Amino acid sequence: MQQSHEPAALAEMAAFAAIAEARSFTRAAARVGRDATILSRRLQSLEERLGVRLLHRTTRSVSLTEAGAEFLVRVRAPPPPAARPARAPSPHPADGPRRRPRPAPPARSGGTWAR
C-alpha cells in the first residue's frame, strides 16, 4: 500500500512560504508558532525533494532565489477547482424542500388544557 506524502509536502510548502514572507527563520517561526529548526528542516526537505534551492541564506539574511520566487507565486495561488475539497452539504439548503414548523402543543395549566 502506498502512503500519501501530501500532509508533509503541505507542511514543507507552508514553512517555505512563512520563511519567504518573513525573510527570517526566527520571525517565521514566531508567526507560525514553531521552532526555527523545524522550519529549517522542512525547507531543506522541500528543496531536496524539488532538487532546487529556493532561498539564499546567510547568518544575517534570507532572500528568494529565482526559483524560490517562482515557487512562492505557485504556493500562494489558489488551487484549481478540481483540487479544492468538496463543500459539505448545508443542513439548510437554499433550494431544497423545507419542513414547515410544527405548532407548539397547547399549554397545560392545573391539570386541564388551556385553549
PDB file of N, CA and C in Angstrom:
ATOM      1  N   MET A   1       0.840  -1.162   0.000  1.00  0.00           N
ATOM      2  CA  MET A   1       0.000   0.000   0.000  1.00  0.00           C
ATOM      3  C   MET A   1       0.897   1.240   0.000  1.00  0.00           C
ATOM      4  N   GLN A   2       0.585   2.199  -0.844  1.00  0.00           N
ATOM      5  CA  GLN A   2       1.388   3.411  -0.977  1.00  0.00           C
ATOM      6  C   GLN A   2       0.874   4.483  -0.037  1.00  0.00           C
ATOM      7  N   GLN A   3       1.802   5.091   0.735  1.00  0.00           N
ATOM      8  CA  GLN A   3       1.411   6.147   1.660  1.00  0.00           C
ATOM      9  C   GLN A   3       1.430   7.479   0.947  1.00  0.00           C
ATOM     10  N   SER A   4       0.546   8.351   1.362  1.00  0.00           N
ATOM     11  CA  SER A   4       0.497   9.692   0.796  1.00  0.00           C
ATOM     12  C   SER A   4       1.457  10.595   1.554  1.00  0.00           C
ATOM     13  N   HIS A   5       2.247  11.363   0.819  1.00  0.00           N
ATOM     14  CA  HIS A   5       3.172  12.313   1.425  1.00  0.00           C
ATOM     15  C   HIS A   5       2.598  13.724   1.370  1.00  0.00           C
ATOM     16  N   GLU A   6       1.332  13.834   1.038  1.00  0.00           N
ATOM     17  CA  GLU A   6       0.705  15.138   0.866  1.00  0.00           C
ATOM     18  C   GLU A   6       0.748  15.998   2.128  1.00  0.00           C
ATOM     19  N   PRO A   7       0.418  15.481   3.329  1.00  0.00           N
ATOM     20  CA  PRO A   7       0.486  16.346   4.511  1.00  0.00           C
ATOM     21  C   PRO A   7       1.900  16.879   4.760  1.00  0.00           C
ATOM     22  N   ALA A   8       2.918  16.049   4.563  1.00  0.00           N
ATOM     23  CA  ALA A   8       4.298  16.503   4.750  1.00  0.00           C
ATOM     24  C   ALA A   8       4.650  17.555   3.715  1.00  0.00           C
ATOM     25  N   ALA A   9       4.227  17.353   2.479  1.00  0.00           N
ATOM     26  CA  ALA A   9       4.516  18.320   1.419  1.00  0.00           C
ATOM     27  C   ALA A   9       3.829  19.651   1.711  1.00  0.00           C
ATOM     28  N   LEU A  10       2.611  19.611   2.214  1.00  0.00           N
ATOM     29  CA  LEU A  10       1.909  20.845   2.561  1.00  0.00           C
ATOM     30  C   LEU A  10       2.607  21.575   3.707  1.00  0.00           C
ATOM     31  N   ALA A  11       3.091  20.821   4.690  1.00  0.00           N
ATOM     32  CA  ALA A  11       3.819  21.432   5.808  1.00  0.00           C
ATOM     33  C   ALA A  11       5.114  22.062   5.306  1.00  0.00           C
ATOM     34  N   GLU A  12       5.776  21.409   4.366  1.00  0.00           N
ATOM     35  CA  GLU A  12       7.016  21.955   3.788  1.00  0.00           C
ATOM     36  C   GLU A  12       6.731  23.251   3.030  1.00  0.00           C
ATOM     37  N   MET A  13       5.667  23.244   2.233  1.00  0.00           N
ATOM     38  CA  MET A  13       5.324  24.446   1.463  1.00  0.00           C
ATOM     39  C   MET A  13       4.902  25.590   2.389  1.00  0.00           C
ATOM     40  N   ALA A  14       4.176  25.267   3.457  1.00  0.00           N
ATOM     41  CA  ALA A  14       3.769  26.299   4.413  1.00  0.00           C
ATOM     42  C   ALA A  14       4.992  26.890   5.107  1.00  0.00           C
ATOM     43  N   ALA A  15       5.959  26.049   5.450  1.00  0.00           N
ATOM     44  CA  ALA A  15       7.191  26.536   6.081  1.00  0.00           C
ATOM     45  C   ALA A  15       7.948  27.437   5.118  1.00  0.00           C
ATOM     46  N   PHE A  16       8.069  27.013   3.857  1.00  0.00           N
ATOM     47  CA  PHE A  16       8.752  27.833   2.851  1.00  0.00           C
ATOM     48  C   PHE A  16       8.079  29.193   2.710  1.00  0.00           C
ATOM     49  N   ALA A  17       6.758  29.211   2.589  1.00  0.00           N
ATOM     50  CA  ALA A  17       6.026  30.468   2.412  1.00  0.00           C
ATOM     51  C   ALA A  17       6.222  31.388   3.623  1.00  0.00           C
ATOM     52  N   ALA A  18       6.174  30.822   4.818  1.00  0.00           N
ATOM     53  CA  ALA A  18       6.344  31.632   6.026  1.00  0.00           C
ATOM     54  C   ALA A  18       7.743  32.247   6.075  1.00  0.00           C
ATOM     55  N   ILE A  19       8.755  31.457   5.754  1.00  0.00           N
ATOM     56  CA  ILE A  19      10.132  31.955   5.775  1.00  0.00           C
ATOM     57  C   ILE A  19      10.332  33.003   4.681  1.00  0.00           C
ATOM     58  N   ALA A  20       9.824  32.719   3.498  1.00  0.00           N
ATOM     59  CA  ALA A  20       9.984  33.648   2.375  1.00  0.00           C
ATOM     60  C   ALA A  20       9.301  34.980   2.657  1.00  0.00           C
ATOM     61  N   GLU A  21       8.122  34.951   3.246  1.00  0.00           N
ATOM     62  CA  GLU A  21       7.384  36.182   3.525  1.00  0.00           C
ATOM     63  C   GLU A  21       8.016  36.971   4.670  1.00  0.00           C
ATOM     64  N   ALA A  22       8.531  36.272   5.685  1.00  0.00           N
ATOM     65  CA  ALA A  22       9.138  36.942   6.834  1.00  0.00           C
ATOM     66  C   ALA A  22      10.590  37.338   6.555  1.00  0.00           C
ATOM     67  N   ARG A  23      11.195  36.702   5.565  1.00  0.00           N
ATOM     68  CA  ARG A  23      12.610  36.919   5.240  1.00  0.00           C
ATOM     69  C   ARG A  23      13.515  36.624   6.438  1.00  0.00           C
ATOM     70  N   SER A  24      13.024  35.720   7.312  1.00  0.00           N
ATOM     71  CA  SER A  24      13.770  35.367   8.514  1.00  0.00           C
ATOM     72  C   SER A  24      13.200  34.075   9.081  1.00  0.00           C
ATOM     73  N   PHE A  25      14.087  33.159   9.459  1.00  0.00           N
ATOM     74  CA  PHE A  25      13.641  31.921  10.083  1.00  0.00           C
ATOM     75  C   PHE A  25      13.030  32.209  11.457  1.00  0.00           C
ATOM     76  N   THR A  26      13.655  33.105  12.211  1.00  0.00           N
ATOM     77  CA  THR A  26      13.189  33.414  13.560  1.00  0.00           C
ATOM     78  C   THR A  26      11.815  34.073  13.534  1.00  0.00           C
ATOM     79  N   ARG A  27      11.623  35.068  12.674  1.00  0.00           N
ATOM     80  CA  ARG A  27      10.319  35.735  12.595  1.00  0.00           C
ATOM     81  C   ARG A  27       9.249  34.780  12.063  1.00  0.00           C
ATOM     82  N   ALA A  28       9.605  33.960  11.084  1.00  0.00           N
ATOM     83  CA  ALA A  28       8.645  32.985  10.547  1.00  0.00           C
ATOM     84  C   ALA A  28       8.234  31.996  11.631  1.00  0.00           C
ATOM     85  N   ALA A  29       9.200  31.526  12.400  1.00  0.00           N
ATOM     86  CA  ALA A  29       8.904  30.577  13.478  1.00  0.00           C
ATOM     87  C   ALA A  29       7.964  31.195  14.505  1.00  0.00           C
ATOM     88  N   ALA A  30       8.197  32.455  14.841  1.00  0.00           N
ATOM     89  CA  ALA A  30       7.322  33.140  15.801  1.00  0.00           C
ATOM     90  C   ALA A  30       5.911  33.291  15.243  1.00  0.00           C
ATOM     91  N   ARG A  31       5.794  33.577  13.962  1.00  0.00           N
ATOM     92  CA  ARG A  31       4.470  33.760  13.342  1.00  0.00           C
ATOM     93  C   ARG A  31       3.659  32.480  13.305  1.00  0.00           C
ATOM     94  N   VAL A  32       4.338  31.357  13.007  1.00  0.00           N
ATOM     95  CA  VAL A  32       3.595  30.095  12.876  1.00  0.00           C
ATOM     96  C   VAL A  32       3.591  29.265  14.157  1.00  0.00           C
ATOM     97  N   GLY A  33       4.304  29.726  15.180  1.00  0.00           N
ATOM     98  CA  GLY A  33       4.297  29.018  16.456  1.00  0.00           C
ATOM     99  C   GLY A  33       5.093  27.733  16.444  1.00  0.00           C
ATOM    100  N   ARG A  34       6.148  27.682  15.665  1.00  0.00           N
ATOM    101  CA  ARG A  34       7.037  26.516  15.594  1.00  0.00           C
ATOM    102  C   ARG A  34       8.463  26.954  15.864  1.00  0.00           C
ATOM    103  N   ASP A  35       9.310  26.002  16.140  1.00  0.00           N
ATOM    104  CA  ASP A  35      10.724  26.279  16.329  1.00  0.00           C
ATOM    105  C   ASP A  35      11.375  26.523  14.972  1.00  0.00           C
ATOM    106  N   ALA A  36      12.337  27.433  14.922  1.00  0.00           N
ATOM    107  CA  ALA A  36      13.026  27.746  13.664  1.00  0.00           C
ATOM    108  C   ALA A  36      13.716  26.514  13.089  1.00  0.00           C
ATOM    109  N   THR A  37      14.176  25.621  13.950  1.00  0.00           N
ATOM    110  CA  THR A  37      14.842  24.398  13.486  1.00  0.00           C
ATOM    111  C   THR A  37      13.878  23.527  12.679  1.00  0.00           C
ATOM    112  N   ILE A  38      12.636  23.452  13.124  1.00  0.00           N
ATOM    113  CA  ILE A  38      11.632  22.659  12.408  1.00  0.00           C
ATOM    114  C   ILE A  38      11.397  23.255  11.019  1.00  0.00           C
ATOM    115  N   LEU A  39      11.257  24.576  10.964  1.00  0.00           N
ATOM    116  CA  LEU A  39      11.060  25.220   9.659  1.00  0.00           C
ATOM    117  C   LEU A  39      12.261  24.995   8.754  1.00  0.00           C
ATOM    118  N   SER A  40      13.442  25.068   9.313  1.00  0.00           N
ATOM    119  CA  SER A  40      14.659  24.851   8.530  1.00  0.00           C
ATOM    120  C   SER A  40      14.693  23.439   7.954  1.00  0.00           C
ATOM    121  N   ARG A  41      14.339  22.464   8.758  1.00  0.00           N
ATOM    122  CA  ARG A  41      14.325  21.058   8.281  1.00  0.00           C
ATOM    123  C   ARG A  41      13.273  20.859   7.193  1.00  0.00           C
ATOM    124  N   ARG A  42      12.118  21.479   7.378  1.00  0.00           N
ATOM    125  CA  ARG A  42      11.069  21.338   6.361  1.00  0.00           C
ATOM    126  C   ARG A  42      11.493  21.983   5.053  1.00  0.00           C
ATOM    127  N   LEU A  43      12.129  23.146   5.151  1.00  0.00           N
ATOM    128  CA  LEU A  43      12.611  23.808   3.939  1.00  0.00           C
ATOM    129  C   LEU A  43      13.674  22.958   3.256  1.00  0.00           C
ATOM    130  N   GLN A  44      14.586  22.413   4.024  1.00  0.00           N
ATOM    131  CA  GLN A  44      15.642  21.572   3.461  1.00  0.00           C
ATOM    132  C   GLN A  44      15.043  20.348   2.772  1.00  0.00           C
ATOM    133  N   SER A  45      14.050  19.746   3.393  1.00  0.00           N
ATOM    134  CA  SER A  45      13.390  18.582   2.801  1.00  0.00           C
ATOM    135  C   SER A  45      12.703  18.954   1.486  1.00  0.00           C
ATOM    136  N   LEU A  46      12.034  20.108   1.469  1.00  0.00           N
ATOM    137  CA  LEU A  46      11.359  20.574   0.250  1.00  0.00           C
ATOM    138  C   LEU A  46      12.369  20.816  -0.862  1.00  0.00           C
ATOM    139  N   GLU A  47      13.463  21.487  -0.541  1.00  0.00           N
ATOM    140  CA  GLU A  47      14.487  21.765  -1.550  1.00  0.00           C
ATOM    141  C   GLU A  47      15.087  20.469  -2.100  1.00  0.00           C
ATOM    142  N   GLU A  48      15.306  19.498  -1.232  1.00  0.00           N
ATOM    143  CA  GLU A  48      15.844  18.207  -1.685  1.00  0.00           C
ATOM    144  C   GLU A  48      14.850  17.493  -2.585  1.00  0.00           C
ATOM    145  N   ARG A  49      13.586  17.522  -2.192  1.00  0.00           N
ATOM    146  CA  ARG A  49      12.559  16.839  -2.988  1.00  0.00           C
ATOM    147  C   ARG A  49      12.401  17.488  -4.358  1.00  0.00           C
ATOM    148  N   LEU A  50      12.469  18.836  -4.398  1.00  0.00           N
ATOM    149  CA  LEU A  50      12.320  19.550  -5.666  1.00  0.00           C
ATOM    150  C   LEU A  50      13.615  19.579  -6.476  1.00  0.00           C
ATOM    151  N   GLY A  51      14.733  19.379  -5.802  1.00  0.00           N
ATOM    152  CA  GLY A  51      16.019  19.406  -6.484  1.00  0.00           C
ATOM    153  C   GLY A  51      16.468  20.805  -6.876  1.00  0.00           C
ATOM    154  N   VAL A  52      16.049  21.808  -6.102  1.00  0.00           N
ATOM    155  CA  VAL A  52      16.400  23.194  -6.406  1.00  0.00           C
ATOM    156  C   VAL A  52      16.488  23.979  -5.096  1.00  0.00           C
ATOM    157  N   ARG A  53      17.378  24.943  -5.070  1.00  0.00           N
ATOM    158  CA  ARG A  53      17.499  25.810  -3.899  1.00  0.00           C
ATOM    159  C   ARG A  53      16.473  26.938  -4.021  1.00  0.00           C
ATOM    160  N   LEU A  54      15.672  27.125  -2.988  1.00  0.00           N
ATOM    161  CA  LEU A  54      14.597  28.114  -3.018  1.00  0.00           C
ATOM    162  C   LEU A  54      14.986  29.432  -2.350  1.00  0.00           C
ATOM    163  N   LEU A  55      15.886  29.367  -1.373  1.00  0.00           N
ATOM    164  CA  LEU A  55      16.288  30.557  -0.630  1.00  0.00           C
ATOM    165  C   LEU A  55      17.806  30.666  -0.558  1.00  0.00           C
ATOM    166  N   HIS A  56      18.302  31.899  -0.666  1.00  0.00           N
ATOM    167  CA  HIS A  56      19.690  32.196  -0.346  1.00  0.00           C
ATOM    168  C   HIS A  56      19.675  32.513   1.136  1.00  0.00           C
ATOM    169  N   ARG A  57      20.510  31.846   1.918  1.00  0.00           N
ATOM    170  CA  ARG A  57      20.533  32.148   3.339  1.00  0.00           C
ATOM    171  C   ARG A  57      21.955  32.366   3.827  1.00  0.00           C
ATOM    172  N   THR A  58      22.098  33.377   4.637  1.00  0.00           N
ATOM    173  CA  THR A  58      23.346  33.641   5.339  1.00  0.00           C
ATOM    174  C   THR A  58      22.988  33.784   6.810  1.00  0.00           C
ATOM    175  N   THR A  59      23.974  34.054   7.638  1.00  0.00           N
ATOM    176  CA  THR A  59      23.678  34.214   9.062  1.00  0.00           C
ATOM    177  C   THR A  59      22.857  35.467   9.324  1.00  0.00           C
ATOM    178  N   ARG A  60      22.863  36.408   8.387  1.00  0.00           N
ATOM    179  CA  ARG A  60      22.164  37.680   8.600  1.00  0.00           C
ATOM    180  C   ARG A  60      20.964  37.911   7.687  1.00  0.00           C
ATOM    181  N   SER A  61      20.801  37.137   6.635  1.00  0.00           N
ATOM    182  CA  SER A  61      19.692  37.421   5.721  1.00  0.00           C
ATOM    183  C   SER A  61      19.162  36.170   5.042  1.00  0.00           C
ATOM    184  N   VAL A  62      17.941  36.300   4.599  1.00  0.00           N
ATOM    185  CA  VAL A  62      17.270  35.264   3.817  1.00  0.00           C
ATOM    186  C   VAL A  62      16.646  35.969   2.625  1.00  0.00           C
ATOM    187  N   SER A  63      16.910  35.467   1.426  1.00  0.00           N
ATOM    188  CA  SER A  63      16.292  36.045   0.232  1.00  0.00           C
ATOM    189  C   SER A  63      15.916  34.935  -0.729  1.00  0.00           C
ATOM    190  N   LEU A  64      14.966  35.227  -1.587  1.00  0.00           N
ATOM    191  CA  LEU A  64      14.485  34.241  -2.551  1.00  0.00           C
ATOM    192  C   LEU A  64      15.459  34.089  -3.714  1.00  0.00           C
ATOM    193  N   THR A  65      15.630  32.855  -4.158  1.00  0.00           N
ATOM    194  CA  THR A  65      16.312  32.626  -5.426  1.00  0.00           C
ATOM    195  C   THR A  65      15.283  32.863  -6.523  1.00  0.00           C
ATOM    196  N   GLU A  66      15.696  32.825  -7.759  1.00  0.00           N
ATOM    197  CA  GLU A  66      14.743  32.981  -8.858  1.00  0.00           C
ATOM    198  C   GLU A  66      13.710  31.853  -8.816  1.00  0.00           C
ATOM    199  N   ALA A  67      14.209  30.640  -8.591  1.00  0.00           N
ATOM    200  CA  ALA A  67      13.293  29.500  -8.491  1.00  0.00           C
ATOM    201  C   ALA A  67      12.371  29.652  -7.289  1.00  0.00           C
ATOM    202  N   GLY A  68      12.898  30.188  -6.191  1.00  0.00           N
ATOM    203  CA  GLY A  68      12.088  30.400  -4.990  1.00  0.00           C
ATOM    204  C   GLY A  68      10.983  31.414  -5.213  1.00  0.00           C
ATOM    205  N   ALA A  69      11.291  32.480  -5.950  1.00  0.00           N
ATOM    206  CA  ALA A  69      10.272  33.497  -6.251  1.00  0.00           C
ATOM    207  C   ALA A  69       9.151  32.900  -7.095  1.00  0.00           C
ATOM    208  N   GLU A  70       9.520  32.105  -8.084  1.00  0.00           N
ATOM    209  CA  GLU A  70       8.503  31.459  -8.931  1.00  0.00           C
ATOM    210  C   GLU A  70       7.672  30.470  -8.120  1.00  0.00           C
ATOM    211  N   PHE A  71       8.340  29.709  -7.252  1.00  0.00           N
ATOM    212  CA  PHE A  71       7.630  28.716  -6.453  1.00  0.00           C
ATOM    213  C   PHE A  71       6.701  29.385  -5.445  1.00  0.00           C
ATOM    214  N   LEU A  72       7.115  30.512  -4.872  1.00  0.00           N
ATOM    215  CA  LEU A  72       6.267  31.225  -3.915  1.00  0.00           C
ATOM    216  C   LEU A  72       4.967  31.683  -4.577  1.00  0.00           C
ATOM    217  N   VAL A  73       5.048  32.134  -5.810  1.00  0.00           N
ATOM    218  CA  VAL A  73       3.840  32.533  -6.541  1.00  0.00           C
ATOM    219  C   VAL A  73       2.906  31.336  -6.674  1.00  0.00           C
ATOM    220  N   ARG A  74       3.464  30.183  -6.985  1.00  0.00           N
ATOM    221  CA  ARG A  74       2.645  28.976  -7.142  1.00  0.00           C
ATOM    222  C   ARG A  74       2.068  28.504  -5.815  1.00  0.00           C
ATOM    223  N   VAL A  75       2.848  28.645  -4.739  1.00  0.00           N
ATOM    224  CA  VAL A  75       2.365  28.222  -3.419  1.00  0.00           C
ATOM    225  C   VAL A  75       1.215  29.113  -2.962  1.00  0.00           C
ATOM    226  N   ARG A  76       1.295  30.399  -3.242  1.00  0.00           N
ATOM    227  CA  ARG A  76       0.250  31.351  -2.834  1.00  0.00           C
ATOM    228  C   ARG A  76      -1.007  31.256  -3.684  1.00  0.00           C
ATOM    229  N   ALA A  77      -0.907  30.758  -4.903  1.00  0.00           N
ATOM    230  CA  ALA A  77      -2.054  30.708  -5.818  1.00  0.00           C
ATOM    231  C   ALA A  77      -3.107  29.741  -5.280  1.00  0.00           C
ATOM    232  N   PRO A  78      -4.386  30.069  -5.464  1.00  0.00           N
ATOM    233  CA  PRO A  78      -5.434  29.142  -5.032  1.00  0.00           C
ATOM    234  C   PRO A  78      -5.398  27.884  -5.886  1.00  0.00           C
ATOM    235  N   PRO A  79      -5.765  26.747  -5.310  1.00  0.00           N
ATOM    236  CA  PRO A  79      -5.763  25.509  -6.088  1.00  0.00           C
ATOM    237  C   PRO A  79      -6.825  25.551  -7.177  1.00  0.00           C
ATOM    238  N   PRO A  80      -6.609  24.797  -8.260  1.00  0.00           N
ATOM    239  CA  PRO A  80      -7.636  24.743  -9.306  1.00  0.00           C
ATOM    240  C   PRO A  80      -8.908  24.118  -8.744  1.00  0.00           C
ATOM    241  N   PRO A  81     -10.059  24.404  -9.352  1.00  0.00           N
ATOM    242  CA  PRO A  81     -11.335  23.903  -8.805  1.00  0.00           C
ATOM    243  C   PRO A  81     -11.365  22.405  -8.565  1.00  0.00           C
ATOM    244  N   ALA A  82     -10.752  21.622  -9.430  1.00  0.00           N
ATOM    245  CA  ALA A  82     -10.788  20.171  -9.265  1.00  0.00           C
ATOM    246  C   ALA A  82     -10.007  19.725  -8.037  1.00  0.00           C
ATOM    247  N   ALA A  83      -9.028  20.511  -7.591  1.00  0.00           N
ATOM    248  CA  ALA A  83      -8.210  20.136  -6.449  1.00  0.00           C
ATOM    249  C   ALA A  83      -8.796  20.615  -5.134  1.00  0.00           C
ATOM    250  N   ARG A  84      -9.760  21.504  -5.177  1.00  0.00           N
ATOM    251  CA  ARG A  84     -10.363  22.012  -3.953  1.00  0.00           C
ATOM    252  C   ARG A  84     -11.261  20.944  -3.337  1.00  0.00           C
ATOM    253  N   PRO A  85     -11.282  20.873  -2.018  1.00  0.00           N
ATOM    254  CA  PRO A  85     -12.167  19.888  -1.392  1.00  0.00           C
ATOM    255  C   PRO A  85     -13.626  20.268  -1.611  1.00  0.00           C
ATOM    256  N   ALA A  86     -14.442  19.260  -1.769  1.00  0.00           N
ATOM    257  CA  ALA A  86     -15.879  19.495  -1.953  1.00  0.00           C
ATOM    258  C   ALA A  86     -16.458  20.043  -0.658  1.00  0.00           C
ATOM    259  N   ARG A  87     -17.375  20.973  -0.794  1.00  0.00           N
ATOM    260  CA  ARG A  87     -18.019  21.522   0.392  1.00  0.00           C
ATOM    261  C   ARG A  87     -19.059  20.546   0.902  1.00  0.00           C
ATOM    262  N   ALA A  88     -19.147  20.468   2.202  1.00  0.00           N
ATOM    263  CA  ALA A  88     -20.161  19.615   2.807  1.00  0.00           C
ATOM    264  C   ALA A  88     -21.525  20.218   2.532  1.00  0.00           C
ATOM    265  N   PRO A  89     -22.516  19.376   2.295  1.00  0.00           N
ATOM    266  CA  PRO A  89     -23.845  19.925   2.046  1.00  0.00           C
ATOM    267  C   PRO A  89     -24.347  20.679   3.270  1.00  0.00           C
ATOM    268  N   SER A  90     -25.025  21.758   3.023  1.00  0.00           N
ATOM    269  CA  SER A  90     -25.555  22.585   4.096  1.00  0.00           C
ATOM    270  C   SER A  90     -26.735  21.873   4.749  1.00  0.00           C
ATOM    271  N   PRO A  91     -26.869  21.982   6.067  1.00  0.00           N
ATOM    272  CA  PRO A  91     -28.035  21.363   6.699  1.00  0.00           C
ATOM    273  C   PRO A  91     -29.318  22.106   6.334  1.00  0.00           C
ATOM    274  N   HIS A  92     -29.172  23.307   5.790  1.00  0.00           N
ATOM    275  CA  HIS A  92     -30.322  24.098   5.372  1.00  0.00           C
ATOM    276  C   HIS A  92     -30.112  24.552   3.937  1.00  0.00           C
ATOM    277  N   PRO A  93     -30.267  23.635   2.979  1.00  0.00           N
ATOM    278  CA  PRO A  93     -30.035  24.032   1.593  1.00  0.00           C
ATOM    279  C   PRO A  93     -31.012  25.123   1.160  1.00  0.00           C
ATOM    280  N   ALA A  94     -30.507  26.070   0.410  1.00  0.00           N
ATOM    281  CA  ALA A  94     -31.324  27.204  -0.026  1.00  0.00           C
ATOM    282  C   ALA A  94     -32.419  26.777  -1.000  1.00  0.00           C
ATOM    283  N   ASP A  95     -32.134  25.791  -1.829  1.00  0.00           N
ATOM    284  CA  ASP A  95     -33.088  25.404  -2.860  1.00  0.00           C
ATOM    285  C   ASP A  95     -33.917  24.171  -2.495  1.00  0.00           C
ATOM    286  N   GLY A  96     -33.520  23.474  -1.457  1.00  0.00           N
ATOM    287  CA  GLY A  96     -34.174  22.209  -1.141  1.00  0.00           C
ATOM    288  C   GLY A  96     -35.486  22.391  -0.405  1.00  0.00           C
ATOM    289  N   PRO A  97     -36.236  21.300  -0.293  1.00  0.00           N
ATOM    290  CA  PRO A  97     -37.509  21.370   0.429  1.00  0.00           C
ATOM    291  C   PRO A  97     -37.250  21.653   1.910  1.00  0.00           C
ATOM    292  N   ARG A  98     -38.155  22.402   2.480  1.00  0.00           N
ATOM    293  CA  ARG A  98     -38.032  22.717   3.903  1.00  0.00           C
ATOM    294  C   ARG A  98     -39.257  22.193   4.627  1.00  0.00           C
ATOM    295  N   ARG A  99     -39.036  21.743   5.824  1.00  0.00           N
ATOM    296  CA  ARG A  99     -40.138  21.294   6.657  1.00  0.00           C
ATOM    297  C   ARG A  99     -40.812  22.498   7.270  1.00  0.00           C
ATOM    298  N   ARG A 100     -42.099  22.451   7.300  1.00  0.00           N
ATOM    299  CA  ARG A 100     -42.822  23.540   7.955  1.00  0.00           C
ATOM    300  C   ARG A 100     -42.719  23.342   9.458  1.00  0.00           C
ATOM    301  N   PRO A 101     -42.583  24.415  10.206  1.00  0.00           N
ATOM    302  CA  PRO A 101     -42.504  24.268  11.666  1.00  0.00           C
ATOM    303  C   PRO A 101     -43.806  23.717  12.216  1.00  0.00           C
ATOM    304  N   ARG A 102     -43.711  22.869  13.189  1.00  0.00           N
ATOM    305  CA  ARG A 102     -44.893  22.316  13.839  1.00  0.00           C
ATOM    306  C   ARG A 102     -45.410  23.301  14.867  1.00  0.00           C
ATOM    307  N   PRO A 103     -46.716  23.366  15.014  1.00  0.00           N
ATOM    308  CA  PRO A 103     -47.241  24.230  16.078  1.00  0.00           C
ATOM    309  C   PRO A 103     -46.891  23.637  17.437  1.00  0.00           C
ATOM    310  N   ALA A 104     -46.671  24.499  18.402  1.00  0.00           N
ATOM    311  CA  ALA A 104     -46.347  24.048  19.755  1.00  0.00           C
ATOM    312  C   ALA A 104     -47.562  23.373  20.361  1.00  0.00           C
ATOM    313  N   PRO A 105     -47.347  22.375  21.211  1.00  0.00           N
ATOM    314  CA  PRO A 105     -48.502  21.742  21.859  1.00  0.00           C
ATOM    315  C   PRO A 105     -49.175  22.746  22.779  1.00  0.00           C
ATOM    316  N   PRO A 106     -50.463  22.554  23.030  1.00  0.00           N
ATOM    317  CA  PRO A 106     -51.173  23.502  23.890  1.00  0.00           C
ATOM    318  C   PRO A 106     -50.564  23.533  25.282  1.00  0.00           C
ATOM    319  N   ALA A 107     -50.603  24.717  25.899  1.00  0.00           N
ATOM    320  CA  ALA A 107     -50.062  24.853  27.244  1.00  0.00           C
ATOM    321  C   ALA A 107     -50.982  24.154  28.253  1.00  0.00           C
ATOM    322  N   ARG A 108     -50.450  23.619  29.273  1.00  0.00           N
ATOM    323  CA  ARG A 108     -51.238  22.902  30.270  1.00  0.00           C
ATOM    324  C   ARG A 108     -51.163  23.638  31.594  1.00  0.00           C
ATOM    325  N   SER A 109     -52.286  23.890  32.179  1.00  0.00           N
ATOM    326  CA  SER A 109     -52.263  24.545  33.472  1.00  0.00           C
ATOM    327  C   SER A 109     -53.278  23.878  34.397  1.00  0.00           C
ATOM    328  N   GLY A 110     -52.867  23.547  35.570  1.00  0.00           N
ATOM    329  CA  GLY A 110     -53.767  22.990  36.586  1.00  0.00           C
ATOM    330  C   GLY A 110     -54.469  21.711  36.189  1.00  0.00           C
ATOM    331  N   GLY A 111     -53.862  20.901  35.400  1.00  0.00           N
ATOM    332  CA  GLY A 111     -54.441  19.625  35.029  1.00  0.00           C
ATOM    333  C   GLY A 111     -55.429  19.692  33.882  1.00  0.00           C
ATOM    334  N   THR A 112     -55.727  20.881  33.375  1.00  0.00           N
ATOM    335  CA  THR A 112     -56.624  20.996  32.232  1.00  0.00           C
ATOM    336  C   THR A 112     -55.884  21.676  31.102  1.00  0.00           C
ATOM    337  N   TRP A 113     -56.330  21.436  29.923  1.00  0.00           N
ATOM    338  CA  TRP A 113     -55.710  22.058  28.754  1.00  0.00           C
ATOM    339  C   TRP A 113     -56.282  23.458  28.575  1.00  0.00           C
ATOM    340  N   ALA A 114     -55.408  24.398  28.423  1.00  0.00           N
ATOM    341  CA  ALA A 114     -55.867  25.770  28.163  1.00  0.00           C
ATOM    342  C   ALA A 114     -56.097  25.932  26.687  1.00  0.00           C
ATOM    343  N   ARG A 115     -57.129  26.663  26.325  1.00  0.00           N
ATOM    344  CA  ARG A 115     -57.414  26.865  24.918  1.00  0.00           C
ATOM    345  C   ARG A 115     -57.336  28.300  24.559  1.00  0.00           C
TER     346      ARG A 115
END
